[in-house]
Amino acid sequence: MKTALIIEDNPDNLTLIRDILELNGYATLHAETGIQGFTMAEAHHPDFIILDIQLPDISGYEVLDKIRDCDKTRAIPVIAMTSYAMAGDREKLLSAGCDAYVEKPIDPSQVFEQIRLAIRDKI
């Protein structure tokens, strides 16, 4: 079974994303802070990571840097799932090392397809 690590501090978003993934056959791990998320990525090596950018301890950009700088985690696909939706935010996240970008608020009827498309060639 493929495993996703969800790094998200909002309980409602976490529950929604986790439920959608689990209903579609994925195991999930979750972290509420960036440091905890990076530590879990390094320890568990999930198939992909869903990363919120606004976290309570360090930013998603800092988490992404840690993931990409670590030999154990650098190849893990990372999907930014964020409310950052200003012009240029998508491109900034992709150029920083994210493999895909999903804008919040997420549409439950479409988010799994967005995730599936983002990781289809990566895992």
C-alpha atoms as a PDB file:
ATOM      1  CA  MET A   1       0.000   0.000   0.000  1.00  0.00           C
ATOM      2  CA  LYS A   2       1.299   3.470  -0.895  1.00  0.00           C
ATOM      3  CA  THR A   3       1.753   5.892   1.986  1.00  0.00           C
ATOM      4  CA  ALA A   4       1.238   9.656   2.055  1.00  0.00           C
ATOM      5  CA  LEU A   5       2.623  11.994   4.702  1.00  0.00           C
ATOM      6  CA  ILE A   6       0.322  14.958   5.296  1.00  0.00           C
ATOM      7  CA  ILE A   7       2.006  17.964   6.923  1.00  0.00           C
ATOM      8  CA  GLU A   8      -0.945  20.136   7.906  1.00  0.00           C
ATOM      9  CA  ASP A   9      -1.766  22.035  11.103  1.00  0.00           C
ATOM     10  CA  ASN A  10      -5.468  22.667  10.454  1.00  0.00           C
ATOM     11  CA  PRO A  11      -7.463  19.724  11.897  1.00  0.00           C
ATOM     12  CA  ASP A  12     -10.337  20.136   9.435  1.00  0.00           C
ATOM     13  CA  ASN A  13      -8.042  20.158   6.401  1.00  0.00           C
ATOM     14  CA  LEU A  14      -6.065  17.239   7.794  1.00  0.00           C
ATOM     15  CA  THR A  15      -9.199  15.144   8.342  1.00  0.00           C
ATOM     16  CA  LEU A  16     -10.540  15.927   4.881  1.00  0.00           C
ATOM     17  CA  ILE A  17      -7.281  15.124   3.074  1.00  0.00           C
ATOM     18  CA  ARG A  18      -6.628  12.008   5.166  1.00  0.00           C
ATOM     19  CA  ASP A  19     -10.151  10.669   4.604  1.00  0.00           C
ATOM     20  CA  ILE A  20      -9.974  11.234   0.860  1.00  0.00           C
ATOM     21  CA  LEU A  21      -6.625   9.469   0.572  1.00  0.00           C
ATOM     22  CA  GLU A  22      -7.641   6.559   2.781  1.00  0.00           C
ATOM     23  CA  LEU A  23     -10.910   6.093   0.870  1.00  0.00           C
ATOM     24  CA  ASN A  24      -8.782   5.789  -2.255  1.00  0.00           C
ATOM     25  CA  GLY A  25      -6.502   3.111  -0.827  1.00  0.00           C
ATOM     26  CA  TYR A  26      -3.586   5.098   0.607  1.00  0.00           C
ATOM     27  CA  ALA A  27      -2.156   4.735   4.088  1.00  0.00           C
ATOM     28  CA  THR A  28      -1.501   8.072   5.753  1.00  0.00           C
ATOM     29  CA  LEU A  29       0.841   9.577   8.285  1.00  0.00           C
ATOM     30  CA  HIS A  30       0.430  13.113   9.546  1.00  0.00           C
ATOM     31  CA  ALA A  31       2.373  15.858  11.217  1.00  0.00           C
ATOM     32  CA  GLU A  32       1.155  19.178  12.560  1.00  0.00           C
ATOM     33  CA  THR A  33       4.461  21.042  12.405  1.00  0.00           C
ATOM     34  CA  GLY A  34       7.202  21.387   9.842  1.00  0.00           C
ATOM     35  CA  ILE A  35       9.940  19.908  12.017  1.00  0.00           C
ATOM     36  CA  GLN A  36       7.756  16.947  12.946  1.00  0.00           C
ATOM     37  CA  GLY A  37       6.900  16.487   9.261  1.00  0.00           C
ATOM     38  CA  PHE A  38      10.519  16.466   8.142  1.00  0.00           C
ATOM     39  CA  THR A  39      11.444  14.035  10.924  1.00  0.00           C
ATOM     40  CA  MET A  40       8.622  11.717   9.867  1.00  0.00           C
ATOM     41  CA  ALA A  41       9.603  11.952   6.204  1.00  0.00           C
ATOM     42  CA  GLU A  42      13.150  10.977   7.068  1.00  0.00           C
ATOM     43  CA  ALA A  43      12.074   8.103   9.340  1.00  0.00           C
ATOM     44  CA  HIS A  44       9.217   6.653   7.262  1.00  0.00           C
ATOM     45  CA  HIS A  45      10.113   7.603   3.676  1.00  0.00           C
ATOM     46  CA  PRO A  46       6.510   7.986   2.426  1.00  0.00           C
ATOM     47  CA  ASP A  47       5.638   7.624  -1.250  1.00  0.00           C
ATOM     48  CA  PHE A  48       4.662  11.303  -1.373  1.00  0.00           C
ATOM     49  CA  ILE A  49       4.128  14.306   0.887  1.00  0.00           C
ATOM     50  CA  ILE A  50       1.300  16.810   1.001  1.00  0.00           C
ATOM     51  CA  LEU A  51       2.744  20.000   2.454  1.00  0.00           C
ATOM     52  CA  ASP A  52       0.930  23.012   3.830  1.00  0.00           C
ATOM     53  CA  ILE A  53       3.020  26.165   3.469  1.00  0.00           C
ATOM     54  CA  GLN A  54       1.764  28.025   6.550  1.00  0.00           C
ATOM     55  CA  LEU A  55       2.843  25.960   9.550  1.00  0.00           C
ATOM     56  CA  PRO A  56       3.180  26.977  13.205  1.00  0.00           C
ATOM     57  CA  ASP A  57       6.930  26.438  13.618  1.00  0.00           C
ATOM     58  CA  ILE A  58       8.750  26.784  10.300  1.00  0.00           C
ATOM     59  CA  SER A  59       7.369  27.594   6.876  1.00  0.00           C
ATOM     60  CA  GLY A  60       6.576  24.986   4.272  1.00  0.00           C
ATOM     61  CA  TYR A  61       9.402  26.468   2.210  1.00  0.00           C
ATOM     62  CA  GLU A  62      11.841  25.623   5.019  1.00  0.00           C
ATOM     63  CA  VAL A  63      10.424  22.107   5.279  1.00  0.00           C
ATOM     64  CA  LEU A  64      10.803  21.719   1.522  1.00  0.00           C
ATOM     65  CA  ASP A  65      14.431  22.870   1.719  1.00  0.00           C
ATOM     66  CA  LYS A  66      15.122  20.287   4.442  1.00  0.00           C
ATOM     67  CA  ILE A  67      13.450  17.550   2.394  1.00  0.00           C
ATOM     68  CA  ARG A  68      15.388  18.424  -0.764  1.00  0.00           C
ATOM     69  CA  ASP A  69      18.711  18.777   1.101  1.00  0.00           C
ATOM     70  CA  CYS A  70      18.492  15.331   2.746  1.00  0.00           C
ATOM     71  CA  ASP A  71      19.705  12.250   0.865  1.00  0.00           C
ATOM     72  CA  LYS A  72      16.959  10.103   2.443  1.00  0.00           C
ATOM     73  CA  THR A  73      14.092  12.382   1.384  1.00  0.00           C
ATOM     74  CA  ARG A  74      15.169  14.408  -1.646  1.00  0.00           C
ATOM     75  CA  ALA A  75      13.421  12.175  -4.204  1.00  0.00           C
ATOM     76  CA  ILE A  76      10.061  12.061  -2.417  1.00  0.00           C
ATOM     77  CA  PRO A  77       7.401  13.907  -4.450  1.00  0.00           C
ATOM     78  CA  VAL A  78       6.017  16.927  -2.590  1.00  0.00           C
ATOM     79  CA  ILE A  79       2.627  18.454  -3.328  1.00  0.00           C
ATOM     80  CA  ALA A  80       2.101  21.945  -1.938  1.00  0.00           C
ATOM     81  CA  MET A  81      -1.475  22.291  -0.732  1.00  0.00           C
ATOM     82  CA  THR A  82      -1.910  25.879   0.280  1.00  0.00           C
ATOM     83  CA  SER A  83      -4.096  28.930   0.395  1.00  0.00           C
ATOM     84  CA  TYR A  84      -1.235  30.941  -1.134  1.00  0.00           C
ATOM     85  CA  ALA A  85      -3.021  31.822  -4.325  1.00  0.00           C
ATOM     86  CA  MET A  86      -1.568  35.133  -5.414  1.00  0.00           C
ATOM     87  CA  ALA A  87      -0.117  35.597  -8.857  1.00  0.00           C
ATOM     88  CA  GLY A  88       3.216  33.825  -9.038  1.00  0.00           C
ATOM     89  CA  ASP A  89       2.786  31.674  -5.897  1.00  0.00           C
ATOM     90  CA  ARG A  90       2.318  28.461  -7.873  1.00  0.00           C
ATOM     91  CA  GLU A  91       5.432  29.111  -9.945  1.00  0.00           C
ATOM     92  CA  LYS A  92       7.422  30.091  -6.850  1.00  0.00           C
ATOM     93  CA  LEU A  93       6.541  26.831  -5.087  1.00  0.00           C
ATOM     94  CA  LEU A  94       7.280  24.721  -8.150  1.00  0.00           C
ATOM     95  CA  SER A  95      10.628  26.420  -8.691  1.00  0.00           C
ATOM     96  CA  ALA A  96      11.447  25.925  -4.986  1.00  0.00           C
ATOM     97  CA  GLY A  97      11.161  22.159  -5.477  1.00  0.00           C
ATOM     98  CA  CYS A  98       7.521  21.157  -5.159  1.00  0.00           C
ATOM     99  CA  ASP A  99       6.327  18.636  -7.717  1.00  0.00           C
ATOM    100  CA  ALA A 100       2.785  19.986  -7.792  1.00  0.00           C
ATOM    101  CA  TYR A 101       0.521  22.656  -6.337  1.00  0.00           C
ATOM    102  CA  VAL A 102      -3.085  22.325  -5.150  1.00  0.00           C
ATOM    103  CA  GLU A 103      -4.910  25.463  -4.098  1.00  0.00           C
ATOM    104  CA  LYS A 104      -7.046  25.681  -0.957  1.00  0.00           C
ATOM    105  CA  PRO A 105      -9.832  25.628  -0.242  1.00  0.00           C
ATOM    106  CA  ILE A 106      -9.785  22.158  -1.742  1.00  0.00           C
ATOM    107  CA  ASP A 107     -12.733  20.716  -3.600  1.00  0.00           C
ATOM    108  CA  PRO A 108     -13.328  17.261  -2.098  1.00  0.00           C
ATOM    109  CA  SER A 109     -14.782  15.991  -5.373  1.00  0.00           C
ATOM    110  CA  GLN A 110     -11.648  16.945  -7.316  1.00  0.00           C
ATOM    111  CA  VAL A 111      -8.703  16.862  -4.901  1.00  0.00           C
ATOM    112  CA  PHE A 112      -7.934  13.153  -5.262  1.00  0.00           C
ATOM    113  CA  GLU A 113      -7.743  13.493  -9.027  1.00  0.00           C
ATOM    114  CA  GLN A 114      -5.423  16.503  -8.603  1.00  0.00           C
ATOM    115  CA  ILE A 115      -3.196  14.474  -6.276  1.00  0.00           C
ATOM    116  CA  ARG A 116      -3.262  11.432  -8.553  1.00  0.00           C
ATOM    117  CA  LEU A 117      -2.252  13.512 -11.553  1.00  0.00           C
ATOM    118  CA  ALA A 118       0.520  15.183  -9.554  1.00  0.00           C
ATOM    119  CA  ILE A 119       2.129  11.896  -8.505  1.00  0.00           C
ATOM    120  CA  ARG A 120       1.328   9.587 -11.437  1.00  0.00           C
ATOM    121  CA  ASP A 121       4.800   9.712 -12.946  1.00  0.00           C
ATOM    122  CA  LYS A 122       6.631  10.066  -9.650  1.00  0.00           C
ATOM    123  CA  ILE A 123       5.686   6.903  -7.744  1.00  0.00           C
END
